[in-house]
PDB file of N, CA and C in Angstrom:
ATOM      1  N   MET A   1      27.188 -19.970  59.490  1.00  0.00           N
ATOM      2  CA  MET A   1      27.237 -20.369  58.057  1.00  0.00           C
ATOM      3  C   MET A   1      26.565 -19.218  57.248  1.00  0.00           C
ATOM      4  N   ARG A   2      27.271 -18.901  56.136  1.00  0.00           N
ATOM      5  CA  ARG A   2      26.736 -17.799  55.283  1.00  0.00           C
ATOM      6  C   ARG A   2      25.490 -18.345  54.473  1.00  0.00           C
ATOM      7  N   SER A   3      24.582 -17.434  54.162  1.00  0.00           N
ATOM      8  CA  SER A   3      23.465 -17.810  53.399  1.00  0.00           C
ATOM      9  C   SER A   3      23.907 -18.019  51.937  1.00  0.00           C
ATOM     10  N   GLN A   4      23.252 -18.956  51.277  1.00  0.00           N
ATOM     11  CA  GLN A   4      23.507 -19.337  49.853  1.00  0.00           C
ATOM     12  C   GLN A   4      22.553 -18.586  48.936  1.00  0.00           C
ATOM     13  N   ARG A   5      21.763 -17.662  49.444  1.00  0.00           N
ATOM     14  CA  ARG A   5      20.772 -16.947  48.611  1.00  0.00           C
ATOM     15  C   ARG A   5      21.474 -16.060  47.661  1.00  0.00           C
ATOM     16  N   PHE A   6      20.780 -15.708  46.594  1.00  0.00           N
ATOM     17  CA  PHE A   6      21.225 -14.743  45.608  1.00  0.00           C
ATOM     18  C   PHE A   6      20.649 -13.426  46.059  1.00  0.00           C
ATOM     19  N   SER A   7      21.417 -12.607  46.679  1.00  0.00           N
ATOM     20  CA  SER A   7      20.983 -11.426  47.400  1.00  0.00           C
ATOM     21  C   SER A   7      20.335 -10.453  46.444  1.00  0.00           C
ATOM     22  N   ILE A   8      19.358  -9.692  46.969  1.00  0.00           N
ATOM     23  CA  ILE A   8      18.709  -8.690  46.174  1.00  0.00           C
ATOM     24  C   ILE A   8      19.615  -7.571  45.678  1.00  0.00           C
ATOM     25  N   LYS A   9      20.660  -7.250  46.384  1.00  0.00           N
ATOM     26  CA  LYS A   9      21.599  -6.187  46.031  1.00  0.00           C
ATOM     27  C   LYS A   9      22.386  -6.583  44.835  1.00  0.00           C
ATOM     28  N   LEU A  10      22.348  -7.851  44.470  1.00  0.00           N
ATOM     29  CA  LEU A  10      23.076  -8.432  43.305  1.00  0.00           C
ATOM     30  C   LEU A  10      22.232  -8.506  42.032  1.00  0.00           C
ATOM     31  N   ARG A  11      20.929  -8.117  42.227  1.00  0.00           N
ATOM     32  CA  ARG A  11      20.098  -8.083  41.083  1.00  0.00           C
ATOM     33  C   ARG A  11      19.830  -6.830  40.426  1.00  0.00           C
ATOM     34  N   ILE A  12      19.725  -6.742  39.141  1.00  0.00           N
ATOM     35  CA  ILE A  12      19.251  -5.543  38.365  1.00  0.00           C
ATOM     36  C   ILE A  12      17.797  -5.735  38.166  1.00  0.00           C
ATOM     37  N   ARG A  13      16.980  -4.787  38.583  1.00  0.00           N
ATOM     38  CA  ARG A  13      15.600  -5.001  38.553  1.00  0.00           C
ATOM     39  C   ARG A  13      14.885  -3.777  37.898  1.00  0.00           C
ATOM     40  N   LYS A  14      15.524  -2.665  37.745  1.00  0.00           N
ATOM     41  CA  LYS A  14      14.829  -1.543  37.151  1.00  0.00           C
ATOM     42  C   LYS A  14      14.928  -1.419  35.751  1.00  0.00           C
ATOM     43  N   THR A  15      13.862  -1.065  35.035  1.00  0.00           N
ATOM     44  CA  THR A  15      13.905  -0.982  33.544  1.00  0.00           C
ATOM     45  C   THR A  15      14.892  -0.010  33.027  1.00  0.00           C
ATOM     46  N   GLY A  16      15.099   1.060  33.723  1.00  0.00           N
ATOM     47  CA  GLY A  16      16.103   2.050  33.277  1.00  0.00           C
ATOM     48  C   GLY A  16      17.509   1.499  33.360  1.00  0.00           C
ATOM     49  N   GLU A  17      17.782   0.704  34.345  1.00  0.00           N
ATOM     50  CA  GLU A  17      19.164   0.138  34.454  1.00  0.00           C
ATOM     51  C   GLU A  17      19.295  -0.933  33.348  1.00  0.00           C
ATOM     52  N   PHE A  18      18.290  -1.696  33.026  1.00  0.00           N
ATOM     53  CA  PHE A  18      18.422  -2.663  31.937  1.00  0.00           C
ATOM     54  C   PHE A  18      18.629  -1.891  30.685  1.00  0.00           C
ATOM     55  N   LYS A  19      17.921  -0.828  30.337  1.00  0.00           N
ATOM     56  CA  LYS A  19      18.097  -0.092  29.094  1.00  0.00           C
ATOM     57  C   LYS A  19      19.484   0.448  28.954  1.00  0.00           C
ATOM     58  N   LYS A  20      19.971   1.071  30.069  1.00  0.00           N
ATOM     59  CA  LYS A  20      21.266   1.643  30.062  1.00  0.00           C
ATOM     60  C   LYS A  20      22.354   0.634  29.699  1.00  0.00           C
ATOM     61  N   ILE A  21      22.327  -0.491  30.360  1.00  0.00           N
ATOM     62  CA  ILE A  21      23.238  -1.653  30.068  1.00  0.00           C
ATOM     63  C   ILE A  21      23.144  -2.063  28.589  1.00  0.00           C
ATOM     64  N   LEU A  22      21.915  -2.262  28.169  1.00  0.00           N
ATOM     65  CA  LEU A  22      21.689  -2.733  26.727  1.00  0.00           C
ATOM     66  C   LEU A  22      22.249  -1.773  25.687  1.00  0.00           C
ATOM     67  N   GLN A  23      22.080  -0.429  25.999  1.00  0.00           N
ATOM     68  CA  GLN A  23      22.322   0.622  24.971  1.00  0.00           C
ATOM     69  C   GLN A  23      23.862   0.987  25.140  1.00  0.00           C
ATOM     70  N   GLN A  24      24.446   1.036  26.329  1.00  0.00           N
ATOM     71  CA  GLN A  24      25.788   1.566  26.468  1.00  0.00           C
ATOM     72  C   GLN A  24      26.854   0.445  26.703  1.00  0.00           C
ATOM     73  N   GLY A  25      26.348  -0.729  27.124  1.00  0.00           N
ATOM     74  CA  GLY A  25      27.402  -1.809  27.450  1.00  0.00           C
ATOM     75  C   GLY A  25      27.830  -2.475  26.298  1.00  0.00           C
ATOM     76  N   LYS A  26      28.930  -3.384  26.510  1.00  0.00           N
ATOM     77  CA  LYS A  26      29.503  -4.193  25.588  1.00  0.00           C
ATOM     78  C   LYS A  26      28.770  -5.566  25.473  1.00  0.00           C
ATOM     79  N   LYS A  27      28.923  -6.212  24.433  1.00  0.00           N
ATOM     80  CA  LYS A  27      28.181  -7.468  24.252  1.00  0.00           C
ATOM     81  C   LYS A  27      29.110  -8.624  24.004  1.00  0.00           C
ATOM     82  N   ILE A  28      28.777  -9.725  24.568  1.00  0.00           N
ATOM     83  CA  ILE A  28      29.421 -11.062  24.337  1.00  0.00           C
ATOM     84  C   ILE A  28      28.298 -12.048  23.919  1.00  0.00           C
ATOM     85  N   SER A  29      28.602 -12.751  22.822  1.00  0.00           N
ATOM     86  CA  SER A  29      27.599 -13.644  22.292  1.00  0.00           C
ATOM     87  C   SER A  29      28.071 -15.023  22.544  1.00  0.00           C
ATOM     88  N   THR A  30      27.228 -15.942  23.026  1.00  0.00           N
ATOM     89  CA  THR A  30      27.615 -17.419  23.068  1.00  0.00           C
ATOM     90  C   THR A  30      26.394 -18.098  22.227  1.00  0.00           C
ATOM     91  N   LYS A  31      26.528 -19.349  22.178  1.00  0.00           N
ATOM     92  CA  LYS A  31      25.652 -20.123  21.387  1.00  0.00           C
ATOM     93  C   LYS A  31      24.127 -19.935  21.702  1.00  0.00           C
ATOM     94  N   SER A  32      23.830 -19.777  22.963  1.00  0.00           N
ATOM     95  CA  SER A  32      22.395 -19.532  23.412  1.00  0.00           C
ATOM     96  C   SER A  32      22.208 -18.315  24.263  1.00  0.00           C
ATOM     97  N   LEU A  33      23.204 -17.563  24.581  1.00  0.00           N
ATOM     98  CA  LEU A  33      23.043 -16.429  25.469  1.00  0.00           C
ATOM     99  C   LEU A  33      23.675 -15.153  24.780  1.00  0.00           C
ATOM    100  N   MET A  34      23.033 -13.982  25.120  1.00  0.00           N
ATOM    101  CA  MET A  34      23.625 -12.798  24.756  1.00  0.00           C
ATOM    102  C   MET A  34      23.942 -12.041  26.135  1.00  0.00           C
ATOM    103  N   ILE A  35      25.143 -11.637  26.294  1.00  0.00           N
ATOM    104  CA  ILE A  35      25.552 -11.064  27.574  1.00  0.00           C
ATOM    105  C   ILE A  35      25.986  -9.667  27.376  1.00  0.00           C
ATOM    106  N   TYR A  36      25.337  -8.688  27.982  1.00  0.00           N
ATOM    107  CA  TYR A  36      25.758  -7.265  27.869  1.00  0.00           C
ATOM    108  C   TYR A  36      26.313  -6.943  29.333  1.00  0.00           C
ATOM    109  N   TYR A  37      27.433  -6.120  29.257  1.00  0.00           N
ATOM    110  CA  TYR A  37      27.964  -5.772  30.495  1.00  0.00           C
ATOM    111  C   TYR A  37      28.536  -4.343  30.437  1.00  0.00           C
ATOM    112  N   LEU A  38      28.466  -3.750  31.652  1.00  0.00           N
ATOM    113  CA  LEU A  38      28.921  -2.358  31.796  1.00  0.00           C
ATOM    114  C   LEU A  38      29.526  -2.201  33.238  1.00  0.00           C
ATOM    115  N   PRO A  39      30.767  -1.623  33.306  1.00  0.00           N
ATOM    116  CA  PRO A  39      31.370  -1.395  34.611  1.00  0.00           C
ATOM    117  C   PRO A  39      30.367  -0.596  35.519  1.00  0.00           C
ATOM    118  N   ASN A  40      30.320  -0.911  36.834  1.00  0.00           N
ATOM    119  CA  ASN A  40      29.461  -0.182  37.767  1.00  0.00           C
ATOM    120  C   ASN A  40      30.336   0.463  38.806  1.00  0.00           C
ATOM    121  N   ARG A  41      29.703   1.141  39.793  1.00  0.00           N
ATOM    122  CA  ARG A  41      30.511   1.850  40.822  1.00  0.00           C
ATOM    123  C   ARG A  41      30.674   0.968  42.054  1.00  0.00           C
ATOM    124  N   PHE A  42      30.245  -0.247  42.064  1.00  0.00           N
ATOM    125  CA  PHE A  42      30.284  -1.095  43.201  1.00  0.00           C
ATOM    126  C   PHE A  42      31.494  -2.010  43.137  1.00  0.00           C
ATOM    127  N   ASP A  43      31.819  -2.656  44.208  1.00  0.00           N
ATOM    128  CA  ASP A  43      32.956  -3.611  44.248  1.00  0.00           C
ATOM    129  C   ASP A  43      32.379  -5.027  44.067  1.00  0.00           C
ATOM    130  N   TYR A  44      31.187  -5.221  43.596  1.00  0.00           N
ATOM    131  CA  TYR A  44      30.542  -6.468  43.289  1.00  0.00           C
ATOM    132  C   TYR A  44      29.792  -6.360  41.965  1.00  0.00           C
ATOM    133  N   SER A  45      29.500  -7.482  41.401  1.00  0.00           N
ATOM    134  CA  SER A  45      28.707  -7.457  40.138  1.00  0.00           C
ATOM    135  C   SER A  45      27.275  -7.722  40.383  1.00  0.00           C
ATOM    136  N   ARG A  46      26.427  -7.190  39.527  1.00  0.00           N
ATOM    137  CA  ARG A  46      24.940  -7.330  39.606  1.00  0.00           C
ATOM    138  C   ARG A  46      24.557  -7.981  38.303  1.00  0.00           C
ATOM    139  N   LEU A  47      23.477  -8.748  38.393  1.00  0.00           N
ATOM    140  CA  LEU A  47      22.912  -9.550  37.354  1.00  0.00           C
ATOM    141  C   LEU A  47      21.457  -9.210  37.042  1.00  0.00           C
ATOM    142  N   GLY A  48      21.096  -9.049  35.801  1.00  0.00           N
ATOM    143  CA  GLY A  48      19.758  -8.976  35.298  1.00  0.00           C
ATOM    144  C   GLY A  48      19.579 -10.063  34.291  1.00  0.00           C
ATOM    145  N   ILE A  49      18.331 -10.673  34.265  1.00  0.00           N
ATOM    146  CA  ILE A  49      18.061 -11.700  33.299  1.00  0.00           C
ATOM    147  C   ILE A  49      16.837 -11.407  32.552  1.00  0.00           C
ATOM    148  N   SER A  50      16.801 -11.643  31.231  1.00  0.00           N
ATOM    149  CA  SER A  50      15.531 -11.517  30.433  1.00  0.00           C
ATOM    150  C   SER A  50      15.400 -12.748  29.502  1.00  0.00           C
ATOM    151  N   ILE A  51      14.273 -13.369  29.547  1.00  0.00           N
ATOM    152  CA  ILE A  51      14.005 -14.536  28.794  1.00  0.00           C
ATOM    153  C   ILE A  51      12.581 -14.313  28.206  1.00  0.00           C
ATOM    154  N   SER A  52      12.492 -14.339  26.890  1.00  0.00           N
ATOM    155  CA  SER A  52      11.192 -14.009  26.294  1.00  0.00           C
ATOM    156  C   SER A  52      10.253 -15.174  26.423  1.00  0.00           C
ATOM    157  N   LYS A  53       8.957 -14.821  26.261  1.00  0.00           N
ATOM    158  CA  LYS A  53       7.857 -15.821  26.428  1.00  0.00           C
ATOM    159  C   LYS A  53       8.005 -16.925  25.372  1.00  0.00           C
ATOM    160  N   SER A  54       8.603 -16.656  24.303  1.00  0.00           N
ATOM    161  CA  SER A  54       8.755 -17.677  23.214  1.00  0.00           C
ATOM    162  C   SER A  54       9.728 -18.774  23.660  1.00  0.00           C
ATOM    163  N   ALA A  55      10.365 -18.643  24.791  1.00  0.00           N
ATOM    164  CA  ALA A  55      11.323 -19.614  25.273  1.00  0.00           C
ATOM    165  C   ALA A  55      10.596 -20.740  26.027  1.00  0.00           C
ATOM    166  N   GLY A  56       9.288 -20.564  26.174  1.00  0.00           N
ATOM    167  CA  GLY A  56       8.531 -21.624  26.870  1.00  0.00           C
ATOM    168  C   GLY A  56       7.541 -21.057  27.869  1.00  0.00           C
ATOM    169  N   GLY A  57       6.952 -21.852  28.661  1.00  0.00           N
ATOM    170  CA  GLY A  57       6.002 -21.347  29.629  1.00  0.00           C
ATOM    171  C   GLY A  57       6.741 -20.790  30.868  1.00  0.00           C
ATOM    172  N   ALA A  58       6.003 -20.362  31.832  1.00  0.00           N
ATOM    173  CA  ALA A  58       6.581 -19.674  32.985  1.00  0.00           C
ATOM    174  C   ALA A  58       7.458 -20.655  33.750  1.00  0.00           C
ATOM    175  N   VAL A  59       7.088 -21.940  33.911  1.00  0.00           N
ATOM    176  CA  VAL A  59       7.927 -22.848  34.644  1.00  0.00           C
ATOM    177  C   VAL A  59       9.322 -23.026  33.961  1.00  0.00           C
ATOM    178  N   ALA A  60       9.312 -23.195  32.670  1.00  0.00           N
ATOM    179  CA  ALA A  60      10.554 -23.336  31.928  1.00  0.00           C
ATOM    180  C   ALA A  60      11.400 -22.120  32.007  1.00  0.00           C
ATOM    181  N   ARG A  61      10.860 -20.904  31.785  1.00  0.00           N
ATOM    182  CA  ARG A  61      11.551 -19.630  31.871  1.00  0.00           C
ATOM    183  C   ARG A  61      12.152 -19.482  33.254  1.00  0.00           C
ATOM    184  N   ASN A  62      11.348 -19.726  34.361  1.00  0.00           N
ATOM    185  CA  ASN A  62      11.864 -19.543  35.657  1.00  0.00           C
ATOM    186  C   ASN A  62      12.971 -20.537  36.047  1.00  0.00           C
ATOM    187  N   LEU A  63      12.889 -21.741  35.534  1.00  0.00           N
ATOM    188  CA  LEU A  63      13.989 -22.733  35.776  1.00  0.00           C
ATOM    189  C   LEU A  63      15.305 -22.255  35.139  1.00  0.00           C
ATOM    190  N   ARG A  64      15.213 -21.673  33.883  1.00  0.00           N
ATOM    191  CA  ARG A  64      16.399 -21.193  33.258  1.00  0.00           C
ATOM    192  C   ARG A  64      16.908 -20.003  33.957  1.00  0.00           C
ATOM    193  N   LYS A  65      16.104 -19.115  34.471  1.00  0.00           N
ATOM    194  CA  LYS A  65      16.577 -18.014  35.280  1.00  0.00           C
ATOM    195  C   LYS A  65      17.264 -18.450  36.484  1.00  0.00           C
ATOM    196  N   ARG A  66      16.745 -19.531  37.223  1.00  0.00           N
ATOM    197  CA  ARG A  66      17.384 -20.009  38.415  1.00  0.00           C
ATOM    198  C   ARG A  66      18.755 -20.573  38.007  1.00  0.00           C
ATOM    199  N   TRP A  67      18.867 -21.260  36.931  1.00  0.00           N
ATOM    200  CA  TRP A  67      20.130 -21.891  36.487  1.00  0.00           C
ATOM    201  C   TRP A  67      21.135 -20.738  36.249  1.00  0.00           C
ATOM    202  N   ILE A  68      20.722 -19.747  35.493  1.00  0.00           N
ATOM    203  CA  ILE A  68      21.617 -18.507  35.226  1.00  0.00           C
ATOM    204  C   ILE A  68      22.122 -17.878  36.607  1.00  0.00           C
ATOM    205  N   ARG A  69      21.135 -17.640  37.497  1.00  0.00           N
ATOM    206  CA  ARG A  69      21.567 -17.053  38.698  1.00  0.00           C
ATOM    207  C   ARG A  69      22.524 -17.942  39.488  1.00  0.00           C
ATOM    208  N   GLU A  70      22.308 -19.236  39.494  1.00  0.00           N
ATOM    209  CA  GLU A  70      23.138 -20.158  40.232  1.00  0.00           C
ATOM    210  C   GLU A  70      24.543 -20.226  39.617  1.00  0.00           C
ATOM    211  N   ALA A  71      24.609 -20.238  38.237  1.00  0.00           N
ATOM    212  CA  ALA A  71      25.942 -20.202  37.578  1.00  0.00           C
ATOM    213  C   ALA A  71      26.677 -18.878  37.866  1.00  0.00           C
ATOM    214  N   PHE A  72      25.971 -17.835  37.940  1.00  0.00           N
ATOM    215  CA  PHE A  72      26.554 -16.492  38.278  1.00  0.00           C
ATOM    216  C   PHE A  72      26.993 -16.503  39.706  1.00  0.00           C
ATOM    217  N   ARG A  73      26.196 -16.952  40.610  1.00  0.00           N
ATOM    218  CA  ARG A  73      26.514 -16.926  42.056  1.00  0.00           C
ATOM    219  C   ARG A  73      27.740 -17.804  42.432  1.00  0.00           C
ATOM    220  N   THR A  74      27.918 -18.892  41.741  1.00  0.00           N
ATOM    221  CA  THR A  74      28.966 -19.843  42.062  1.00  0.00           C
ATOM    222  C   THR A  74      30.194 -19.589  41.236  1.00  0.00           C
ATOM    223  N   SER A  75      30.195 -18.638  40.316  1.00  0.00           N
ATOM    224  CA  SER A  75      31.324 -18.377  39.514  1.00  0.00           C
ATOM    225  C   SER A  75      32.434 -17.563  40.229  1.00  0.00           C
ATOM    226  N   PRO A  76      33.591 -18.137  40.420  1.00  0.00           N
ATOM    227  CA  PRO A  76      34.640 -17.378  41.072  1.00  0.00           C
ATOM    228  C   PRO A  76      35.231 -16.238  40.174  1.00  0.00           C
ATOM    229  N   LEU A  77      34.931 -16.281  38.873  1.00  0.00           N
ATOM    230  CA  LEU A  77      35.395 -15.237  37.972  1.00  0.00           C
ATOM    231  C   LEU A  77      34.663 -13.914  38.138  1.00  0.00           C
ATOM    232  N   ILE A  78      33.547 -13.868  38.871  1.00  0.00           N
ATOM    233  CA  ILE A  78      32.786 -12.653  38.919  1.00  0.00           C
ATOM    234  C   ILE A  78      33.029 -12.001  40.333  1.00  0.00           C
ATOM    235  N   ARG A  79      33.325 -12.662  41.385  1.00  0.00           N
ATOM    236  CA  ARG A  79      33.444 -12.148  42.651  1.00  0.00           C
ATOM    237  C   ARG A  79      34.517 -11.024  42.703  1.00  0.00           C
ATOM    238  N   GLY A  80      34.035  -9.890  43.274  1.00  0.00           N
ATOM    239  CA  GLY A  80      35.013  -8.770  43.396  1.00  0.00           C
ATOM    240  C   GLY A  80      35.230  -7.923  42.180  1.00  0.00           C
ATOM    241  N   ARG A  81      34.493  -8.271  41.153  1.00  0.00           N
ATOM    242  CA  ARG A  81      34.544  -7.379  39.978  1.00  0.00           C
ATOM    243  C   ARG A  81      33.237  -6.613  39.820  1.00  0.00           C
ATOM    244  N   GLY A  82      33.442  -5.334  39.495  1.00  0.00           N
ATOM    245  CA  GLY A  82      32.276  -4.448  39.464  1.00  0.00           C
ATOM    246  C   GLY A  82      31.637  -4.239  38.129  1.00  0.00           C
ATOM    247  N   PHE A  83      30.759  -5.178  37.780  1.00  0.00           N
ATOM    248  CA  PHE A  83      30.039  -5.080  36.489  1.00  0.00           C
ATOM    249  C   PHE A  83      28.568  -5.213  36.689  1.00  0.00           C
ATOM    250  N   ASP A  84      27.811  -4.501  35.854  1.00  0.00           N
ATOM    251  CA  ASP A  84      26.388  -4.722  35.720  1.00  0.00           C
ATOM    252  C   ASP A  84      26.255  -5.635  34.472  1.00  0.00           C
ATOM    253  N   ILE A  85      25.586  -6.811  34.702  1.00  0.00           N
ATOM    254  CA  ILE A  85      25.507  -7.851  33.634  1.00  0.00           C
ATOM    255  C   ILE A  85      24.115  -8.140  33.297  1.00  0.00           C
ATOM    256  N   VAL A  86      23.705  -8.112  32.059  1.00  0.00           N
ATOM    257  CA  VAL A  86      22.318  -8.483  31.637  1.00  0.00           C
ATOM    258  C   VAL A  86      22.486  -9.729  30.726  1.00  0.00           C
ATOM    259  N   VAL A  87      21.846 -10.771  31.096  1.00  0.00           N
ATOM    260  CA  VAL A  87      21.872 -12.071  30.260  1.00  0.00           C
ATOM    261  C   VAL A  87      20.583 -12.222  29.567  1.00  0.00           C
ATOM    262  N   LEU A  88      20.512 -12.285  28.191  1.00  0.00           N
ATOM    263  CA  LEU A  88      19.359 -12.552  27.454  1.00  0.00           C
ATOM    264  C   LEU A  88      19.501 -13.929  26.820  1.00  0.00           C
ATOM    265  N   MET A  89      18.394 -14.774  26.940  1.00  0.00           N
ATOM    266  CA  MET A  89      18.482 -16.067  26.299  1.00  0.00           C
ATOM    267  C   MET A  89      17.877 -15.943  24.828  1.00  0.00           C
ATOM    268  N   ARG A  90      18.663 -16.496  23.990  1.00  0.00           N
ATOM    269  CA  ARG A  90      18.196 -16.497  22.587  1.00  0.00           C
ATOM    270  C   ARG A  90      17.039 -17.478  22.373  1.00  0.00           C
ATOM    271  N   ASN A  91      16.226 -17.109  21.474  1.00  0.00           N
ATOM    272  CA  ASN A  91      15.087 -18.006  21.108  1.00  0.00           C
ATOM    273  C   ASN A  91      15.499 -19.306  20.417  1.00  0.00           C
ATOM    274  N   GLY A  92      14.776 -20.344  20.629  1.00  0.00           N
ATOM    275  CA  GLY A  92      15.138 -21.610  20.046  1.00  0.00           C
ATOM    276  C   GLY A  92      16.082 -22.514  20.875  1.00  0.00           C
ATOM    277  N   PHE A  93      16.289 -22.183  22.142  1.00  0.00           N
ATOM    278  CA  PHE A  93      17.109 -22.961  23.006  1.00  0.00           C
ATOM    279  C   PHE A  93      16.349 -23.415  24.208  1.00  0.00           C
ATOM    280  N   ASN A  94      15.195 -24.051  23.904  1.00  0.00           N
ATOM    281  CA  ASN A  94      14.359 -24.507  25.010  1.00  0.00           C
ATOM    282  C   ASN A  94      14.858 -25.770  25.753  1.00  0.00           C
ATOM    283  N   GLU A  95      15.755 -26.457  25.035  1.00  0.00           N
ATOM    284  CA  GLU A  95      16.276 -27.769  25.607  1.00  0.00           C
ATOM    285  C   GLU A  95      17.608 -27.630  26.255  1.00  0.00           C
ATOM    286  N   ILE A  96      18.044 -26.405  26.459  1.00  0.00           N
ATOM    287  CA  ILE A  96      19.367 -26.201  27.102  1.00  0.00           C
ATOM    288  C   ILE A  96      19.408 -26.751  28.531  1.00  0.00           C
ATOM    289  N   ASP A  97      20.562 -27.243  28.966  1.00  0.00           N
ATOM    290  CA  ASP A  97      20.615 -27.739  30.312  1.00  0.00           C
ATOM    291  C   ASP A  97      21.525 -26.826  31.202  1.00  0.00           C
ATOM    292  N   PHE A  98      21.563 -27.094  32.521  1.00  0.00           N
ATOM    293  CA  PHE A  98      22.395 -26.193  33.451  1.00  0.00           C
ATOM    294  C   PHE A  98      23.820 -26.268  33.046  1.00  0.00           C
ATOM    295  N   GLN A  99      24.458 -27.390  32.741  1.00  0.00           N
ATOM    296  CA  GLN A  99      25.799 -27.564  32.385  1.00  0.00           C
ATOM    297  C   GLN A  99      26.192 -26.622  31.225  1.00  0.00           C
ATOM    298  N   SER A 100      25.320 -26.606  30.184  1.00  0.00           N
ATOM    299  CA  SER A 100      25.695 -25.740  29.056  1.00  0.00           C
ATOM    300  C   SER A 100      25.611 -24.211  29.449  1.00  0.00           C
ATOM    301  N   ILE A 101      24.607 -23.892  30.192  1.00  0.00           N
ATOM    302  CA  ILE A 101      24.518 -22.483  30.652  1.00  0.00           C
ATOM    303  C   ILE A 101      25.721 -22.060  31.473  1.00  0.00           C
ATOM    304  N   GLN A 102      26.146 -22.991  32.334  1.00  0.00           N
ATOM    305  CA  GLN A 102      27.295 -22.816  33.255  1.00  0.00           C
ATOM    306  C   GLN A 102      28.528 -22.608  32.428  1.00  0.00           C
ATOM    307  N   GLU A 103      28.772 -23.485  31.388  1.00  0.00           N
ATOM    308  CA  GLU A 103      30.013 -23.326  30.613  1.00  0.00           C
ATOM    309  C   GLU A 103      29.990 -22.062  29.769  1.00  0.00           C
ATOM    310  N   GLN A 104      28.816 -21.779  29.168  1.00  0.00           N
ATOM    311  CA  GLN A 104      28.772 -20.530  28.321  1.00  0.00           C
ATOM    312  C   GLN A 104      29.040 -19.278  29.188  1.00  0.00           C
ATOM    313  N   LEU A 105      28.382 -19.219  30.372  1.00  0.00           N
ATOM    314  CA  LEU A 105      28.640 -18.057  31.197  1.00  0.00           C
ATOM    315  C   LEU A 105      30.087 -17.965  31.663  1.00  0.00           C
ATOM    316  N   LYS A 106      30.719 -19.027  32.026  1.00  0.00           N
ATOM    317  CA  LYS A 106      32.112 -19.062  32.436  1.00  0.00           C
ATOM    318  C   LYS A 106      33.039 -18.605  31.352  1.00  0.00           C
ATOM    319  N   GLY A 107      32.721 -19.113  30.144  1.00  0.00           N
ATOM    320  CA  GLY A 107      33.535 -18.632  28.982  1.00  0.00           C
ATOM    321  C   GLY A 107      33.339 -17.070  28.658  1.00  0.00           C
ATOM    322  N   ALA A 108      32.180 -16.630  28.843  1.00  0.00           N
ATOM    323  CA  ALA A 108      31.922 -15.184  28.646  1.00  0.00           C
ATOM    324  C   ALA A 108      32.535 -14.395  29.729  1.00  0.00           C
ATOM    325  N   MET A 109      32.461 -14.782  30.947  1.00  0.00           N
ATOM    326  CA  MET A 109      33.093 -14.020  32.101  1.00  0.00           C
ATOM    327  C   MET A 109      34.541 -13.923  31.958  1.00  0.00           C
ATOM    328  N   GLU A 110      35.182 -14.865  31.362  1.00  0.00           N
ATOM    329  CA  GLU A 110      36.689 -14.786  31.145  1.00  0.00           C
ATOM    330  C   GLU A 110      37.067 -13.701  30.200  1.00  0.00           C
ATOM    331  N   LYS A 111      36.068 -13.301  29.387  1.00  0.00           N
ATOM    332  CA  LYS A 111      36.319 -12.305  28.247  1.00  0.00           C
ATOM    333  C   LYS A 111      36.042 -10.813  28.811  1.00  0.00           C
ATOM    334  N   LEU A 112      35.466 -10.744  30.003  1.00  0.00           N
ATOM    335  CA  LEU A 112      35.100  -9.371  30.486  1.00  0.00           C
ATOM    336  C   LEU A 112      36.383  -8.546  30.648  1.00  0.00           C
ATOM    337  N   GLU A 113      36.277  -7.238  30.222  1.00  0.00           N
ATOM    338  CA  GLU A 113      37.328  -6.331  30.201  1.00  0.00           C
ATOM    339  C   GLU A 113      37.225  -5.360  31.333  1.00  0.00           C
TER     340      GLU A 113
END
């Protein structure tokens, strides 16, 4: 059975990579998320997440990061597409739920060029 983990190779972790995507990438806005994306040289997409401290305490921020990673991991729209994607959560959306995040990410992924 394959592991259900969100692999390290699918994560964007370096500050320079984040900056490059935010500066050079295209942007998709949803109600509570800002999604920046840039084609990469891989045959898979990678994800970076940033949620400001104003979105709540560490427990709340980490929960939302897990939800975003899970929505990304389970989305069939992303598999096999080579994009670097950075998701920023807008301030003021502390009460968002997993279903809303999943729907917003799905809608945004359909718009990727």
